[in-house]
Amino acid sequence: MSATSSRSRRCRTAPSCCAGSSTGSPGGTARPASIAASSADNNGPNLAIYRGRIEGDRLVYESLQEALPRIRLTWILKGSDHATWRNEFTLDGQTWGLIEDYEMVAG
């Protein structure tokens, strides 16, 4: 998938899953109970570990650190070849603010 924003940036980033555990779900389809991911950030020496979950048509990762601010990354499936990616932050642990978002379309 590639991503474009109103700033005309293109990106070929996808979540890098490194671990997960599966549980059965109705209909016999296995779904991960939780997914782990890591991220290296070029805004300084920063390595983050995230825990993810699937919520309907969303894949949501939140940083595991207790200290604030924290980051949340969300991929929202809009169709078989279309998704939205959101990067959000929280300063108080409850209210989330948007940093950036991109529409992603298979290309």
PDB file of N, CA and C in Angstrom:
ATOM      1  N   MET A   1       0.840  -1.174   0.000  1.00  0.00           N
ATOM      2  CA  MET A   1       0.000   0.000   0.000  1.00  0.00           C
ATOM      3  C   MET A   1       0.886   1.238   0.000  1.00  0.00           C
ATOM      4  N   SER A   2       0.430   2.256  -0.609  1.00  0.00           N
ATOM      5  CA  SER A   2       1.116   3.535  -0.527  1.00  0.00           C
ATOM      6  C   SER A   2       0.199   4.509   0.165  1.00  0.00           C
ATOM      7  N   ALA A   3       0.769   5.517   0.746  1.00  0.00           N
ATOM      8  CA  ALA A   3      -0.047   6.485   1.487  1.00  0.00           C
ATOM      9  C   ALA A   3       0.211   7.878   0.952  1.00  0.00           C
ATOM     10  N   THR A   4      -0.830   8.669   0.893  1.00  0.00           N
ATOM     11  CA  THR A   4      -0.674  10.068   0.526  1.00  0.00           C
ATOM     12  C   THR A   4      -1.414  10.901   1.545  1.00  0.00           C
ATOM     13  N   SER A   5      -0.937  12.066   1.807  1.00  0.00           N
ATOM     14  CA  SER A   5      -1.616  12.985   2.715  1.00  0.00           C
ATOM     15  C   SER A   5      -1.892  14.268   1.952  1.00  0.00           C
ATOM     16  N   SER A   6      -2.503  15.195   2.645  1.00  0.00           N
ATOM     17  CA  SER A   6      -2.754  16.480   2.014  1.00  0.00           C
ATOM     18  C   SER A   6      -1.437  17.186   1.704  1.00  0.00           C
ATOM     19  N   ARG A   7      -0.351  16.756   2.314  1.00  0.00           N
ATOM     20  CA  ARG A   7       0.967  17.331   2.053  1.00  0.00           C
ATOM     21  C   ARG A   7       1.684  16.585   0.930  1.00  0.00           C
ATOM     22  N   SER A   8       0.981  15.690   0.231  1.00  0.00           N
ATOM     23  CA  SER A   8       1.509  14.943  -0.917  1.00  0.00           C
ATOM     24  C   SER A   8       2.719  14.081  -0.562  1.00  0.00           C
ATOM     25  N   ARG A   9       2.777  13.582   0.658  1.00  0.00           N
ATOM     26  CA  ARG A   9       3.838  12.649   1.021  1.00  0.00           C
ATOM     27  C   ARG A   9       3.402  11.243   0.654  1.00  0.00           C
ATOM     28  N   ARG A  10       4.339  10.430   0.223  1.00  0.00           N
ATOM     29  CA  ARG A  10       4.040   9.039  -0.091  1.00  0.00           C
ATOM     30  C   ARG A  10       4.816   8.161   0.871  1.00  0.00           C
ATOM     31  N   CYS A  11       4.210   7.069   1.264  1.00  0.00           N
ATOM     32  CA  CYS A  11       4.803   6.204   2.262  1.00  0.00           C
ATOM     33  C   CYS A  11       4.450   4.766   1.938  1.00  0.00           C
ATOM     34  N   ARG A  12       5.356   3.860   2.170  1.00  0.00           N
ATOM     35  CA  ARG A  12       5.084   2.440   2.000  1.00  0.00           C
ATOM     36  C   ARG A  12       5.322   1.720   3.318  1.00  0.00           C
ATOM     37  N   THR A  13       4.797   2.274   4.384  1.00  0.00           N
ATOM     38  CA  THR A  13       4.994   1.729   5.722  1.00  0.00           C
ATOM     39  C   THR A  13       3.810   0.877   6.122  1.00  0.00           C
ATOM     40  N   ALA A  14       4.091  -0.230   6.769  1.00  0.00           N
ATOM     41  CA  ALA A  14       3.050  -1.086   7.332  1.00  0.00           C
ATOM     42  C   ALA A  14       3.504  -1.484   8.722  1.00  0.00           C
ATOM     43  N   PRO A  15       2.580  -1.891   9.585  1.00  0.00           N
ATOM     44  CA  PRO A  15       2.977  -2.291  10.931  1.00  0.00           C
ATOM     45  C   PRO A  15       3.928  -3.471  10.873  1.00  0.00           C
ATOM     46  N   SER A  16       4.973  -3.453  11.682  1.00  0.00           N
ATOM     47  CA  SER A  16       5.936  -4.546  11.703  1.00  0.00           C
ATOM     48  C   SER A  16       5.663  -5.421  12.916  1.00  0.00           C
ATOM     49  N   CYS A  17       4.810  -6.398  12.734  1.00  0.00           N
ATOM     50  CA  CYS A  17       4.447  -7.286  13.841  1.00  0.00           C
ATOM     51  C   CYS A  17       5.614  -8.194  14.167  1.00  0.00           C
ATOM     52  N   CYS A  18       5.883  -8.355  15.442  1.00  0.00           N
ATOM     53  CA  CYS A  18       6.979  -9.238  15.826  1.00  0.00           C
ATOM     54  C   CYS A  18       6.526 -10.352  16.746  1.00  0.00           C
ATOM     55  N   ALA A  19       5.318 -10.339  17.246  1.00  0.00           N
ATOM     56  CA  ALA A  19       4.813 -11.417  18.099  1.00  0.00           C
ATOM     57  C   ALA A  19       3.315 -11.303  18.194  1.00  0.00           C
ATOM     58  N   GLY A  20       2.674 -12.398  18.517  1.00  0.00           N
ATOM     59  CA  GLY A  20       1.240 -12.372  18.716  1.00  0.00           C
ATOM     60  C   GLY A  20       0.763 -13.698  19.256  1.00  0.00           C
ATOM     61  N   SER A  21      -0.371 -13.705  19.916  1.00  0.00           N
ATOM     62  CA  SER A  21      -0.950 -14.947  20.378  1.00  0.00           C
ATOM     63  C   SER A  21      -2.358 -15.028  19.827  1.00  0.00           C
ATOM     64  N   SER A  22      -2.763 -16.217  19.405  1.00  0.00           N
ATOM     65  CA  SER A  22      -4.061 -16.375  18.774  1.00  0.00           C
ATOM     66  C   SER A  22      -5.077 -16.970  19.729  1.00  0.00           C
ATOM     67  N   THR A  23      -6.301 -16.550  19.557  1.00  0.00           N
ATOM     68  CA  THR A  23      -7.417 -17.146  20.276  1.00  0.00           C
ATOM     69  C   THR A  23      -8.496 -17.446  19.265  1.00  0.00           C
ATOM     70  N   GLY A  24      -9.309 -18.424  19.556  1.00  0.00           N
ATOM     71  CA  GLY A  24     -10.402 -18.760  18.651  1.00  0.00           C
ATOM     72  C   GLY A  24     -11.470 -17.693  18.693  1.00  0.00           C
ATOM     73  N   SER A  25     -12.162 -17.500  17.599  1.00  0.00           N
ATOM     74  CA  SER A  25     -13.262 -16.554  17.550  1.00  0.00           C
ATOM     75  C   SER A  25     -14.450 -17.239  16.903  1.00  0.00           C
ATOM     76  N   PRO A  26     -15.637 -16.686  17.024  1.00  0.00           N
ATOM     77  CA  PRO A  26     -16.811 -17.305  16.409  1.00  0.00           C
ATOM     78  C   PRO A  26     -16.578 -17.577  14.931  1.00  0.00           C
ATOM     79  N   GLY A  27     -17.070 -18.692  14.460  1.00  0.00           N
ATOM     80  CA  GLY A  27     -16.891 -19.048  13.064  1.00  0.00           C
ATOM     81  C   GLY A  27     -15.608 -19.818  12.819  1.00  0.00           C
ATOM     82  N   GLY A  28     -14.824 -20.062  13.843  1.00  0.00           N
ATOM     83  CA  GLY A  28     -13.612 -20.856  13.722  1.00  0.00           C
ATOM     84  C   GLY A  28     -12.402 -20.103  13.211  1.00  0.00           C
ATOM     85  N   THR A  29     -12.498 -18.801  13.018  1.00  0.00           N
ATOM     86  CA  THR A  29     -11.370 -18.015  12.530  1.00  0.00           C
ATOM     87  C   THR A  29     -10.508 -17.576  13.702  1.00  0.00           C
ATOM     88  N   ALA A  30      -9.205 -17.889  13.641  1.00  0.00           N
ATOM     89  CA  ALA A  30      -8.289 -17.474  14.712  1.00  0.00           C
ATOM     90  C   ALA A  30      -7.955 -16.007  14.551  1.00  0.00           C
ATOM     91  N   ARG A  31      -7.957 -15.278  15.653  1.00  0.00           N
ATOM     92  CA  ARG A  31      -7.591 -13.858  15.663  1.00  0.00           C
ATOM     93  C   ARG A  31      -6.550 -13.655  16.738  1.00  0.00           C
ATOM     94  N   PRO A  32      -5.559 -12.812  16.493  1.00  0.00           N
ATOM     95  CA  PRO A  32      -4.579 -12.528  17.546  1.00  0.00           C
ATOM     96  C   PRO A  32      -5.240 -11.820  18.729  1.00  0.00           C
ATOM     97  N   ALA A  33      -4.938 -12.275  19.952  1.00  0.00           N
ATOM     98  CA  ALA A  33      -5.443 -11.610  21.144  1.00  0.00           C
ATOM     99  C   ALA A  33      -4.694 -10.310  21.354  1.00  0.00           C
ATOM    100  N   SER A  34      -3.401 -10.336  21.120  1.00  0.00           N
ATOM    101  CA  SER A  34      -2.603  -9.119  21.167  1.00  0.00           C
ATOM    102  C   SER A  34      -1.438  -9.265  20.206  1.00  0.00           C
ATOM    103  N   ILE A  35      -0.961  -8.148  19.724  1.00  0.00           N
ATOM    104  CA  ILE A  35       0.119  -8.111  18.747  1.00  0.00           C
ATOM    105  C   ILE A  35       1.173  -7.156  19.273  1.00  0.00           C
ATOM    106  N   ALA A  36       2.439  -7.530  19.195  1.00  0.00           N
ATOM    107  CA  ALA A  36       3.522  -6.643  19.625  1.00  0.00           C
ATOM    108  C   ALA A  36       4.222  -6.085  18.395  1.00  0.00           C
ATOM    109  N   ALA A  37       4.701  -4.854  18.497  1.00  0.00           N
ATOM    110  CA  ALA A  37       5.432  -4.219  17.402  1.00  0.00           C
ATOM    111  C   ALA A  37       6.474  -3.285  17.986  1.00  0.00           C
ATOM    112  N   SER A  38       7.478  -2.968  17.191  1.00  0.00           N
ATOM    113  CA  SER A  38       8.490  -1.996  17.609  1.00  0.00           C
ATOM    114  C   SER A  38       8.614  -0.931  16.538  1.00  0.00           C
ATOM    115  N   SER A  39       9.110   0.231  16.949  1.00  0.00           N
ATOM    116  CA  SER A  39       9.255   1.350  16.030  1.00  0.00           C
ATOM    117  C   SER A  39      10.496   2.140  16.388  1.00  0.00           C
ATOM    118  N   ALA A  40      11.299   2.442  15.394  1.00  0.00           N
ATOM    119  CA  ALA A  40      12.437   3.343  15.583  1.00  0.00           C
ATOM    120  C   ALA A  40      12.047   4.688  14.979  1.00  0.00           C
ATOM    121  N   ASP A  41      12.243   5.750  15.726  1.00  0.00           N
ATOM    122  CA  ASP A  41      11.821   7.081  15.315  1.00  0.00           C
ATOM    123  C   ASP A  41      13.050   7.915  14.989  1.00  0.00           C
ATOM    124  N   ASN A  42      13.019   8.656  13.894  1.00  0.00           N
ATOM    125  CA  ASN A  42      14.170   9.482  13.529  1.00  0.00           C
ATOM    126  C   ASN A  42      14.108  10.875  14.133  1.00  0.00           C
ATOM    127  N   ASN A  43      13.192  11.114  15.069  1.00  0.00           N
ATOM    128  CA  ASN A  43      13.120  12.391  15.777  1.00  0.00           C
ATOM    129  C   ASN A  43      13.911  12.315  17.070  1.00  0.00           C
ATOM    130  N   GLY A  44      15.128  11.851  16.987  1.00  0.00           N
ATOM    131  CA  GLY A  44      15.955  11.663  18.176  1.00  0.00           C
ATOM    132  C   GLY A  44      16.135  10.186  18.436  1.00  0.00           C
ATOM    133  N   PRO A  45      16.970   9.855  19.395  1.00  0.00           N
ATOM    134  CA  PRO A  45      17.203   8.435  19.694  1.00  0.00           C
ATOM    135  C   PRO A  45      16.010   7.848  20.438  1.00  0.00           C
ATOM    136  N   ASN A  46      15.069   7.290  19.706  1.00  0.00           N
ATOM    137  CA  ASN A  46      13.821   6.839  20.301  1.00  0.00           C
ATOM    138  C   ASN A  46      13.438   5.486  19.723  1.00  0.00           C
ATOM    139  N   LEU A  47      13.261   4.493  20.587  1.00  0.00           N
ATOM    140  CA  LEU A  47      12.761   3.185  20.197  1.00  0.00           C
ATOM    141  C   LEU A  47      11.534   2.916  21.043  1.00  0.00           C
ATOM    142  N   ALA A  48      10.417   2.607  20.411  1.00  0.00           N
ATOM    143  CA  ALA A  48       9.170   2.383  21.145  1.00  0.00           C
ATOM    144  C   ALA A  48       8.687   0.960  20.931  1.00  0.00           C
ATOM    145  N   ILE A  49       8.080   0.392  21.955  1.00  0.00           N
ATOM    146  CA  ILE A  49       7.437  -0.909  21.891  1.00  0.00           C
ATOM    147  C   ILE A  49       5.938  -0.685  22.031  1.00  0.00           C
ATOM    148  N   TYR A  50       5.158  -1.334  21.189  1.00  0.00           N
ATOM    149  CA  TYR A  50       3.719  -1.142  21.152  1.00  0.00           C
ATOM    150  C   TYR A  50       2.994  -2.464  21.379  1.00  0.00           C
ATOM    151  N   ARG A  51       1.802  -2.394  21.946  1.00  0.00           N
ATOM    152  CA  ARG A  51       0.888  -3.534  22.016  1.00  0.00           C
ATOM    153  C   ARG A  51      -0.290  -3.192  21.130  1.00  0.00           C
ATOM    154  N   GLY A  52      -0.689  -4.152  20.299  1.00  0.00           N
ATOM    155  CA  GLY A  52      -1.771  -3.903  19.364  1.00  0.00           C
ATOM    156  C   GLY A  52      -2.942  -4.828  19.574  1.00  0.00           C
ATOM    157  N   ARG A  53      -4.047  -4.442  18.972  1.00  0.00           N
ATOM    158  CA  ARG A  53      -5.261  -5.232  19.021  1.00  0.00           C
ATOM    159  C   ARG A  53      -6.092  -4.929  17.778  1.00  0.00           C
ATOM    160  N   ILE A  54      -6.949  -5.875  17.415  1.00  0.00           N
ATOM    161  CA  ILE A  54      -7.867  -5.673  16.302  1.00  0.00           C
ATOM    162  C   ILE A  54      -9.231  -5.360  16.881  1.00  0.00           C
ATOM    163  N   GLU A  55      -9.809  -4.258  16.439  1.00  0.00           N
ATOM    164  CA  GLU A  55     -11.144  -3.813  16.862  1.00  0.00           C
ATOM    165  C   GLU A  55     -11.992  -3.634  15.621  1.00  0.00           C
ATOM    166  N   GLY A  56     -12.689  -4.677  15.215  1.00  0.00           N
ATOM    167  CA  GLY A  56     -13.508  -4.594  13.998  1.00  0.00           C
ATOM    168  C   GLY A  56     -12.647  -4.359  12.779  1.00  0.00           C
ATOM    169  N   ASP A  57     -12.795  -3.195  12.132  1.00  0.00           N
ATOM    170  CA  ASP A  57     -12.019  -2.871  10.933  1.00  0.00           C
ATOM    171  C   ASP A  57     -10.767  -2.052  11.256  1.00  0.00           C
ATOM    172  N   ARG A  58     -10.356  -2.052  12.523  1.00  0.00           N
ATOM    173  CA  ARG A  58      -9.199  -1.253  12.960  1.00  0.00           C
ATOM    174  C   ARG A  58      -8.098  -2.131  13.552  1.00  0.00           C
ATOM    175  N   LEU A  59      -6.856  -1.779  13.235  1.00  0.00           N
ATOM    176  CA  LEU A  59      -5.677  -2.334  13.890  1.00  0.00           C
ATOM    177  C   LEU A  59      -5.094  -1.192  14.694  1.00  0.00           C
ATOM    178  N   VAL A  60      -5.062  -1.322  16.024  1.00  0.00           N
ATOM    179  CA  VAL A  60      -4.663  -0.236  16.913  1.00  0.00           C
ATOM    180  C   VAL A  60      -3.430  -0.650  17.708  1.00  0.00           C
ATOM    181  N   TYR A  61      -2.385   0.169  17.660  1.00  0.00           N
ATOM    182  CA  TYR A  61      -1.179  -0.017  18.474  1.00  0.00           C
ATOM    183  C   TYR A  61      -1.059   1.165  19.431  1.00  0.00           C
ATOM    184  N   GLU A  62      -0.771   0.877  20.702  1.00  0.00           N
ATOM    185  CA  GLU A  62      -0.481   1.929  21.676  1.00  0.00           C
ATOM    186  C   GLU A  62       0.860   1.630  22.318  1.00  0.00           C
ATOM    187  N   SER A  63       1.651   2.677  22.558  1.00  0.00           N
ATOM    188  CA  SER A  63       2.957   2.481  23.181  1.00  0.00           C
ATOM    189  C   SER A  63       2.772   1.950  24.603  1.00  0.00           C
ATOM    190  N   LEU A  64       3.689   1.063  25.018  1.00  0.00           N
ATOM    191  CA  LEU A  64       3.593   0.399  26.318  1.00  0.00           C
ATOM    192  C   LEU A  64       4.128   1.231  27.471  1.00  0.00           C
ATOM    193  N   GLN A  65       4.932   2.212  27.186  1.00  0.00           N
ATOM    194  CA  GLN A  65       5.563   2.986  28.260  1.00  0.00           C
ATOM    195  C   GLN A  65       4.531   3.622  29.175  1.00  0.00           C
ATOM    196  N   GLU A  66       4.846   3.705  30.442  1.00  0.00           N
ATOM    197  CA  GLU A  66       3.962   4.347  31.417  1.00  0.00           C
ATOM    198  C   GLU A  66       4.077   5.869  31.354  1.00  0.00           C
ATOM    199  N   ALA A  67       5.277   6.352  31.034  1.00  0.00           N
ATOM    200  CA  ALA A  67       5.531   7.797  31.014  1.00  0.00           C
ATOM    201  C   ALA A  67       4.747   8.454  29.873  1.00  0.00           C
ATOM    202  N   LEU A  68       4.348   9.678  30.116  1.00  0.00           N
ATOM    203  CA  LEU A  68       3.662  10.473  29.099  1.00  0.00           C
ATOM    204  C   LEU A  68       4.671  11.382  28.420  1.00  0.00           C
ATOM    205  N   PRO A  69       4.479  11.789  27.203  1.00  0.00           N
ATOM    206  CA  PRO A  69       3.370  11.479  26.319  1.00  0.00           C
ATOM    207  C   PRO A  69       3.488  10.062  25.745  1.00  0.00           C
ATOM    208  N   ARG A  70       2.356   9.518  25.260  1.00  0.00           N
ATOM    209  CA  ARG A  70       2.320   8.211  24.605  1.00  0.00           C
ATOM    210  C   ARG A  70       1.768   8.384  23.190  1.00  0.00           C
ATOM    211  N   ILE A  71       2.047   7.381  22.369  1.00  0.00           N
ATOM    212  CA  ILE A  71       1.650   7.398  20.957  1.00  0.00           C
ATOM    213  C   ILE A  71       0.646   6.277  20.689  1.00  0.00           C
ATOM    214  N   ARG A  72      -0.297   6.551  19.784  1.00  0.00           N
ATOM    215  CA  ARG A  72      -1.230   5.518  19.297  1.00  0.00           C
ATOM    216  C   ARG A  72      -1.204   5.564  17.774  1.00  0.00           C
ATOM    217  N   LEU A  73      -1.055   4.392  17.152  1.00  0.00           N
ATOM    218  CA  LEU A  73      -1.059   4.246  15.702  1.00  0.00           C
ATOM    219  C   LEU A  73      -2.263   3.394  15.323  1.00  0.00           C
ATOM    220  N   THR A  74      -3.066   3.860  14.372  1.00  0.00           N
ATOM    221  CA  THR A  74      -4.283   3.147  13.993  1.00  0.00           C
ATOM    222  C   THR A  74      -4.362   3.031  12.473  1.00  0.00           C
ATOM    223  N   TRP A  75      -4.644   1.808  12.005  1.00  0.00           N
ATOM    224  CA  TRP A  75      -4.938   1.553  10.602  1.00  0.00           C
ATOM    225  C   TRP A  75      -6.413   1.198  10.530  1.00  0.00           C
ATOM    226  N   ILE A  76      -7.191   1.938   9.719  1.00  0.00           N
ATOM    227  CA  ILE A  76      -8.633   1.729   9.584  1.00  0.00           C
ATOM    228  C   ILE A  76      -8.896   1.221   8.169  1.00  0.00           C
ATOM    229  N   LEU A  77      -9.383  -0.015   8.064  1.00  0.00           N
ATOM    230  CA  LEU A  77      -9.663  -0.614   6.770  1.00  0.00           C
ATOM    231  C   LEU A  77     -10.926  -0.005   6.184  1.00  0.00           C
ATOM    232  N   LYS A  78     -10.811   0.578   4.992  1.00  0.00           N
ATOM    233  CA  LYS A  78     -11.947   1.220   4.320  1.00  0.00           C
ATOM    234  C   LYS A  78     -12.495   0.348   3.193  1.00  0.00           C
ATOM    235  N   GLY A  79     -11.705  -0.581   2.717  1.00  0.00           N
ATOM    236  CA  GLY A  79     -12.069  -1.490   1.633  1.00  0.00           C
ATOM    237  C   GLY A  79     -10.938  -2.474   1.441  1.00  0.00           C
ATOM    238  N   SER A  80     -11.049  -3.360   0.472  1.00  0.00           N
ATOM    239  CA  SER A  80     -10.016  -4.377   0.270  1.00  0.00           C
ATOM    240  C   SER A  80      -8.681  -3.778  -0.181  1.00  0.00           C
ATOM    241  N   ASP A  81      -8.687  -2.562  -0.707  1.00  0.00           N
ATOM    242  CA  ASP A  81      -7.446  -1.935  -1.163  1.00  0.00           C
ATOM    243  C   ASP A  81      -7.291  -0.497  -0.662  1.00  0.00           C
ATOM    244  N   HIS A  82      -7.988  -0.152   0.433  1.00  0.00           N
ATOM    245  CA  HIS A  82      -7.990   1.227   0.920  1.00  0.00           C
ATOM    246  C   HIS A  82      -8.029   1.236   2.446  1.00  0.00           C
ATOM    247  N   ALA A  83      -7.134   2.018   3.055  1.00  0.00           N
ATOM    248  CA  ALA A  83      -7.095   2.151   4.507  1.00  0.00           C
ATOM    249  C   ALA A  83      -6.675   3.575   4.868  1.00  0.00           C
ATOM    250  N   THR A  84      -6.941   3.959   6.104  1.00  0.00           N
ATOM    251  CA  THR A  84      -6.470   5.231   6.649  1.00  0.00           C
ATOM    252  C   THR A  84      -5.526   4.918   7.792  1.00  0.00           C
ATOM    253  N   TRP A  85      -4.410   5.615   7.862  1.00  0.00           N
ATOM    254  CA  TRP A  85      -3.449   5.469   8.952  1.00  0.00           C
ATOM    255  C   TRP A  85      -3.478   6.747   9.774  1.00  0.00           C
ATOM    256  N   ARG A  86      -3.582   6.617  11.112  1.00  0.00           N
ATOM    257  CA  ARG A  86      -3.605   7.768  12.023  1.00  0.00           C
ATOM    258  C   ARG A  86      -2.472   7.645  13.026  1.00  0.00           C
ATOM    259  N   ASN A  87      -1.802   8.742  13.309  1.00  0.00           N
ATOM    260  CA  ASN A  87      -0.749   8.838  14.320  1.00  0.00           C
ATOM    261  C   ASN A  87      -1.250   9.853  15.344  1.00  0.00           C
ATOM    262  N   GLU A  88      -1.446   9.402  16.608  1.00  0.00           N
ATOM    263  CA  GLU A  88      -2.003  10.270  17.641  1.00  0.00           C
ATOM    264  C   GLU A  88      -1.117  10.269  18.883  1.00  0.00           C
ATOM    265  N   PHE A  89      -1.321  11.229  19.764  1.00  0.00           N
ATOM    266  CA  PHE A  89      -0.560  11.324  21.009  1.00  0.00           C
ATOM    267  C   PHE A  89      -1.503  11.667  22.157  1.00  0.00           C
ATOM    268  N   THR A  90      -1.066  11.344  23.384  1.00  0.00           N
ATOM    269  CA  THR A  90      -1.788  11.775  24.572  1.00  0.00           C
ATOM    270  C   THR A  90      -0.788  12.366  25.562  1.00  0.00           C
ATOM    271  N   LEU A  91      -1.158  13.481  26.131  1.00  0.00           N
ATOM    272  CA  LEU A  91      -0.339  14.127  27.154  1.00  0.00           C
ATOM    273  C   LEU A  91      -0.824  13.790  28.563  1.00  0.00           C
ATOM    274  N   ASP A  92      -2.106  13.385  28.670  1.00  0.00           N
ATOM    275  CA  ASP A  92      -2.684  13.112  29.989  1.00  0.00           C
ATOM    276  C   ASP A  92      -3.092  11.646  30.182  1.00  0.00           C
ATOM    277  N   GLY A  93      -2.916  10.798  29.163  1.00  0.00           N
ATOM    278  CA  GLY A  93      -3.276   9.394  29.261  1.00  0.00           C
ATOM    279  C   GLY A  93      -4.731   9.104  28.947  1.00  0.00           C
ATOM    280  N   GLN A  94      -5.529  10.130  28.638  1.00  0.00           N
ATOM    281  CA  GLN A  94      -6.953   9.930  28.362  1.00  0.00           C
ATOM    282  C   GLN A  94      -7.416  10.588  27.070  1.00  0.00           C
ATOM    283  N   THR A  95      -6.935  11.787  26.793  1.00  0.00           N
ATOM    284  CA  THR A  95      -7.357  12.543  25.615  1.00  0.00           C
ATOM    285  C   THR A  95      -6.312  12.381  24.518  1.00  0.00           C
ATOM    286  N   TRP A  96      -6.763  11.973  23.316  1.00  0.00           N
ATOM    287  CA  TRP A  96      -5.844  11.761  22.196  1.00  0.00           C
ATOM    288  C   TRP A  96      -5.979  12.894  21.183  1.00  0.00           C
ATOM    289  N   GLY A  97      -4.819  13.363  20.675  1.00  0.00           N
ATOM    290  CA  GLY A  97      -4.794  14.404  19.651  1.00  0.00           C
ATOM    291  C   GLY A  97      -4.127  13.879  18.390  1.00  0.00           C
ATOM    292  N   LEU A  98      -4.573  14.340  17.251  1.00  0.00           N
ATOM    293  CA  LEU A  98      -4.051  13.900  15.961  1.00  0.00           C
ATOM    294  C   LEU A  98      -2.716  14.585  15.651  1.00  0.00           C
ATOM    295  N   ILE A  99      -1.723  13.777  15.277  1.00  0.00           N
ATOM    296  CA  ILE A  99      -0.445  14.293  14.775  1.00  0.00           C
ATOM    297  C   ILE A  99      -0.522  14.374  13.257  1.00  0.00           C
ATOM    298  N   GLU A 100      -0.903  13.273  12.629  1.00  0.00           N
ATOM    299  CA  GLU A 100      -1.010  13.212  11.185  1.00  0.00           C
ATOM    300  C   GLU A 100      -1.872  12.008  10.808  1.00  0.00           C
ATOM    301  N   ASP A 101      -2.452  12.037   9.597  1.00  0.00           N
ATOM    302  CA  ASP A 101      -3.150  10.883   9.072  1.00  0.00           C
ATOM    303  C   ASP A 101      -2.979  10.843   7.553  1.00  0.00           C
ATOM    304  N   TYR A 102      -3.046   9.636   6.993  1.00  0.00           N
ATOM    305  CA  TYR A 102      -2.837   9.419   5.578  1.00  0.00           C
ATOM    306  C   TYR A 102      -3.866   8.449   5.045  1.00  0.00           C
ATOM    307  N   GLU A 103      -4.318   8.693   3.830  1.00  0.00           N
ATOM    308  CA  GLU A 103      -5.129   7.723   3.103  1.00  0.00           C
ATOM    309  C   GLU A 103      -4.152   6.796   2.397  1.00  0.00           C
ATOM    310  N   MET A 104      -4.379   5.504   2.504  1.00  0.00           N
ATOM    311  CA  MET A 104      -3.495   4.510   1.890  1.00  0.00           C
ATOM    312  C   MET A 104      -4.298   3.693   0.889  1.00  0.00           C
ATOM    313  N   VAL A 105      -3.788   3.619  -0.354  1.00  0.00           N
ATOM    314  CA  VAL A 105      -4.459   2.900  -1.424  1.00  0.00           C
ATOM    315  C   VAL A 105      -3.456   1.969  -2.088  1.00  0.00           C
ATOM    316  N   ALA A 106      -3.856   0.716  -2.314  1.00  0.00           N
ATOM    317  CA  ALA A 106      -2.966  -0.233  -2.996  1.00  0.00           C
ATOM    318  C   ALA A 106      -2.642   0.299  -4.376  1.00  0.00           C
ATOM    319  N   GLY A 107      -1.392   0.167  -4.742  1.00  0.00           N
ATOM    320  CA  GLY A 107      -1.005   0.731  -6.026  1.00  0.00           C
ATOM    321  C   GLY A 107      -0.179  -0.092  -6.862  1.00  0.00           C
TER     322      GLY A 107
END
